[in-house]
Protein backbone atom coordinates (compact mmCIF):
# COMPACT_ATOMS: atom_id res chain seq x y z
CA MET A 1 122.95 97.21 144.19
CA SER A 2 122.94 97.96 140.46
CA THR A 3 123.40 101.43 139.29
CA LEU A 4 120.25 102.92 138.00
CA PRO A 5 120.18 103.88 134.32
CA SER A 6 119.43 107.49 133.20
CA ARG A 7 115.92 108.39 132.40
CA GLU A 8 116.50 107.91 128.73
CA ASP A 9 118.30 104.62 129.12
CA GLU A 10 115.49 103.41 131.46
CA GLN A 11 112.75 104.50 129.06
CA ALA A 12 114.61 102.79 126.23
CA LEU A 13 114.87 99.64 128.31
CA VAL A 14 111.14 99.78 129.17
CA GLU A 15 110.20 100.14 125.47
CA ARG A 16 112.58 97.07 124.64
CA ALA A 17 110.91 95.04 127.53
CA LYS A 18 107.52 95.51 125.84
CA ARG A 19 108.86 93.28 122.99
CA ASP A 20 111.71 91.43 124.48
CA PRO A 21 111.47 89.37 127.87
CA SER A 22 115.16 89.48 128.51
CA ALA A 23 114.87 93.28 128.60
CA PHE A 24 112.33 92.88 131.26
CA GLY A 25 114.82 90.62 133.10
CA GLU A 26 117.11 93.65 133.15
CA LEU A 27 114.42 95.84 134.74
CA TYR A 28 113.82 93.05 137.17
CA ASP A 29 117.42 92.94 138.17
CA LEU A 30 117.67 96.71 138.48
CA TYR A 31 114.51 97.19 140.63
CA PHE A 32 114.08 93.86 142.46
CA LEU A 33 115.96 94.77 145.72
CA GLN A 34 114.22 98.12 146.28
CA ILE A 35 110.82 96.73 145.65
CA TYR A 36 111.56 93.70 147.94
CA ARG A 37 112.86 96.04 150.61
CA PHE A 38 109.64 98.07 150.44
CA VAL A 39 107.39 94.95 150.45
CA TYR A 40 109.35 93.53 153.26
CA SER A 41 109.06 96.82 155.35
CA ARG A 42 105.30 96.45 155.07
CA MET A 43 104.96 92.72 155.57
CA ARG A 44 107.89 91.87 158.05
CA ASP A 45 107.84 88.28 156.86
CA GLN A 46 110.46 87.13 154.44
CA ALA A 47 108.46 84.36 152.77
CA ALA A 48 105.38 86.66 152.26
CA ALA A 49 107.51 89.48 150.99
CA GLU A 50 109.30 87.17 148.44
CA ASP A 51 105.78 85.94 147.29
CA VAL A 52 104.40 89.54 147.10
CA THR A 53 107.49 90.85 145.28
CA SER A 54 107.18 88.02 142.74
CA GLU A 55 103.54 88.99 142.15
CA VAL A 56 104.51 92.59 141.68
CA PHE A 57 107.04 91.64 138.93
CA MET A 58 104.59 89.07 137.37
CA LYS A 59 101.82 91.81 137.18
CA ALA A 60 104.46 94.30 135.70
CA LEU A 61 105.42 91.73 133.03
CA LYS A 62 101.74 91.08 132.22
CA SER A 63 100.98 94.78 131.99
CA ILE A 64 104.27 96.16 130.49
CA GLY A 65 102.60 96.51 127.19
CA ARG A 66 100.17 99.13 128.71
CA TYR A 67 102.78 100.94 130.56
CA GLN A 68 102.95 104.60 129.50
CA ASP A 69 105.73 106.92 130.22
CA THR A 70 104.25 109.81 132.31
CA GLY A 71 107.49 111.41 133.08
CA LYS A 72 107.97 109.56 136.36
CA PRO A 73 110.63 106.96 136.96
CA PHE A 74 109.68 103.37 136.08
CA SER A 75 110.12 102.45 139.79
CA ALA A 76 107.13 104.61 140.61
CA TRP A 77 104.87 102.29 138.57
CA LEU A 78 106.47 99.33 140.29
CA TYR A 79 105.89 100.86 143.75
CA GLN A 80 102.15 101.40 142.69
CA ILE A 81 101.87 97.87 141.91
CA ALA A 82 103.63 96.91 145.22
CA VAL A 83 101.31 99.17 147.39
CA ASN A 84 98.28 97.53 145.69
CA SER A 85 99.62 93.98 146.12
CA VAL A 86 100.52 94.54 149.74
CA ALA A 87 96.98 95.91 150.47
CA ASP A 88 95.59 92.81 148.69
CA ARG A 89 97.66 90.47 150.82
CA TYR A 90 96.65 92.44 153.95
CA ARG A 91 92.99 91.96 152.99
CA LEU A 92 93.63 88.15 152.90
CA ALA A 93 95.47 87.83 156.19
CA ARG A 94 96.47 90.54 158.72
CA PRO A 95 100.01 89.92 160.01
CA VAL A 96 100.45 89.83 163.78
CA GLU A 97 104.07 90.82 163.89
CA ASP A 98 105.03 94.43 164.92
CA ILE A 99 106.12 96.22 161.79
CA ASP A 100 109.27 97.42 163.41
CA GLU A 101 110.40 94.54 165.35
CA GLN A 102 113.40 93.62 163.35
CA ARG A 103 114.40 97.12 162.11
CA ASP A 104 118.23 97.62 162.08
CA LEU A 105 119.88 100.83 163.11
CA ALA A 106 123.25 101.82 161.95
CA VAL A 107 125.32 101.60 165.26
CA GLY A 108 128.38 103.70 165.38
CA GLY A 109 129.39 103.24 168.93
CA PRO A 110 126.53 104.52 171.19
CA ALA A 111 126.01 102.68 174.43
CA LEU A 112 123.78 99.68 174.47
CA GLU A 113 121.14 101.55 176.51
CA GLU A 114 121.08 104.44 173.91
CA VAL A 115 120.64 101.89 171.14
CA ALA A 116 117.83 100.21 172.97
CA ALA A 117 116.20 103.58 173.59
CA GLN A 118 116.50 104.58 170.00
CA ARG A 119 115.00 101.23 168.81
CA ASP A 120 112.17 101.57 171.33
CA GLU A 121 111.41 105.10 170.12
CA LEU A 122 111.59 104.06 166.37
CA ARG A 123 109.31 101.00 167.31
CA ARG A 124 106.83 103.47 169.09
CA ILE A 125 106.81 105.94 166.13
CA TRP A 126 106.24 103.28 163.48
CA SER A 127 103.57 101.58 165.61
CA VAL A 128 101.80 104.82 165.73
CA VAL A 129 102.31 105.22 161.90
CA GLU A 130 100.64 101.89 161.56
CA THR A 131 97.46 103.31 163.24
CA LEU A 132 97.12 106.16 160.81
CA PRO A 133 94.53 106.08 158.02
CA ARG A 134 95.69 103.93 155.03
CA GLN A 135 96.59 106.98 152.73
CA GLN A 136 98.60 108.73 155.47
CA ARG A 137 100.35 105.51 156.32
CA ILE A 138 101.42 104.76 152.76
CA ALA A 139 102.58 108.30 152.16
CA MET A 140 104.60 108.24 155.31
CA VAL A 141 106.24 104.92 154.56
CA LEU A 142 107.10 106.00 150.95
CA LYS A 143 108.53 109.30 152.19
CA PHE A 144 110.51 108.17 155.34
CA GLN A 145 111.26 104.56 154.78
CA GLU A 146 111.75 104.69 151.09
CA ASP A 147 113.06 108.16 150.83
CA MET A 148 110.82 108.92 147.71
CA LYS A 149 110.35 112.40 146.39
CA ILE A 150 106.91 113.97 146.79
CA GLU A 151 106.18 113.83 143.01
CA ASP A 152 106.99 110.05 142.75
CA ILE A 153 104.77 109.33 145.81
CA ALA A 154 102.00 111.33 144.14
CA ALA A 155 102.37 109.12 140.94
CA VAL A 156 102.42 105.82 143.08
CA MET A 157 99.26 106.98 144.97
CA GLY A 158 97.45 108.73 142.15
CA LYS A 159 97.30 111.96 143.90
CA SER A 160 98.55 115.58 143.40
CA PRO A 161 101.81 116.46 145.14
CA GLY A 162 99.85 118.92 147.27
CA ALA A 163 97.61 116.09 148.50
CA VAL A 164 100.58 114.01 149.32
CA LYS A 165 102.22 116.82 151.20
CA LEU A 166 98.97 117.23 153.25
CA LEU A 167 98.82 113.52 153.93
CA ILE A 168 102.39 113.59 155.26
CA HIS A 169 101.82 116.77 157.25
CA ARG A 170 98.70 115.35 158.89
CA GLY A 171 100.55 112.15 159.53
CA VAL A 172 103.56 113.69 161.15
CA THR A 173 101.35 115.88 163.22
CA ARG A 174 99.28 112.98 164.42
CA VAL A 175 102.57 111.00 165.21
CA ARG A 176 103.92 113.94 167.17
CA GLN A 177 100.73 114.24 169.18
CA LEU A 178 100.61 110.52 169.93
CA VAL A 179 104.32 109.94 170.63
CA GLY A 180 105.01 113.32 172.30
CA GLY A 181 102.05 112.88 174.75
CA GLU A 182 100.23 109.59 174.70
CA ASP A 183 97.34 111.00 176.58
CA ARG A 184 96.52 113.91 174.10
CA PRO A 185 93.84 113.20 171.52
């Protein structure tokens, strides 16, 4: 993966990209993999994830002239486009595959039974996350799958950091209730 530029270098590159398509190509090269990983984590279908990721960058290219530096990383803007593009795709056709069916775990020697139990637990957790209200689900994915900072999640979702923390707290609480005791409301 490419090393991400400093904030100053990133902003200079974004400003160049507003005038020069080859500079946008550099942004594409820098951020393609992380945006693709995020989209794939939501879609779980390689062809659909490739299509949506392409749409994200096409929308970004068309809108780069209107991009304003708000003090957040450029990737936060791309994630925002990706969240909306995935939501648009879901509205068109709901995927039938379990979101976590193909999740890889780093295996450093545990017994096969342990790995299977971990995968089953992760699958249960993420299947519960998928039942959460849309805003909680997005906040949880950006925080725990994408490892984004609260401030960046807030920028992506158009919410305050406090609202994002509340969404995550409520989501985690609900997941604990449902995974910890399937029969509790």
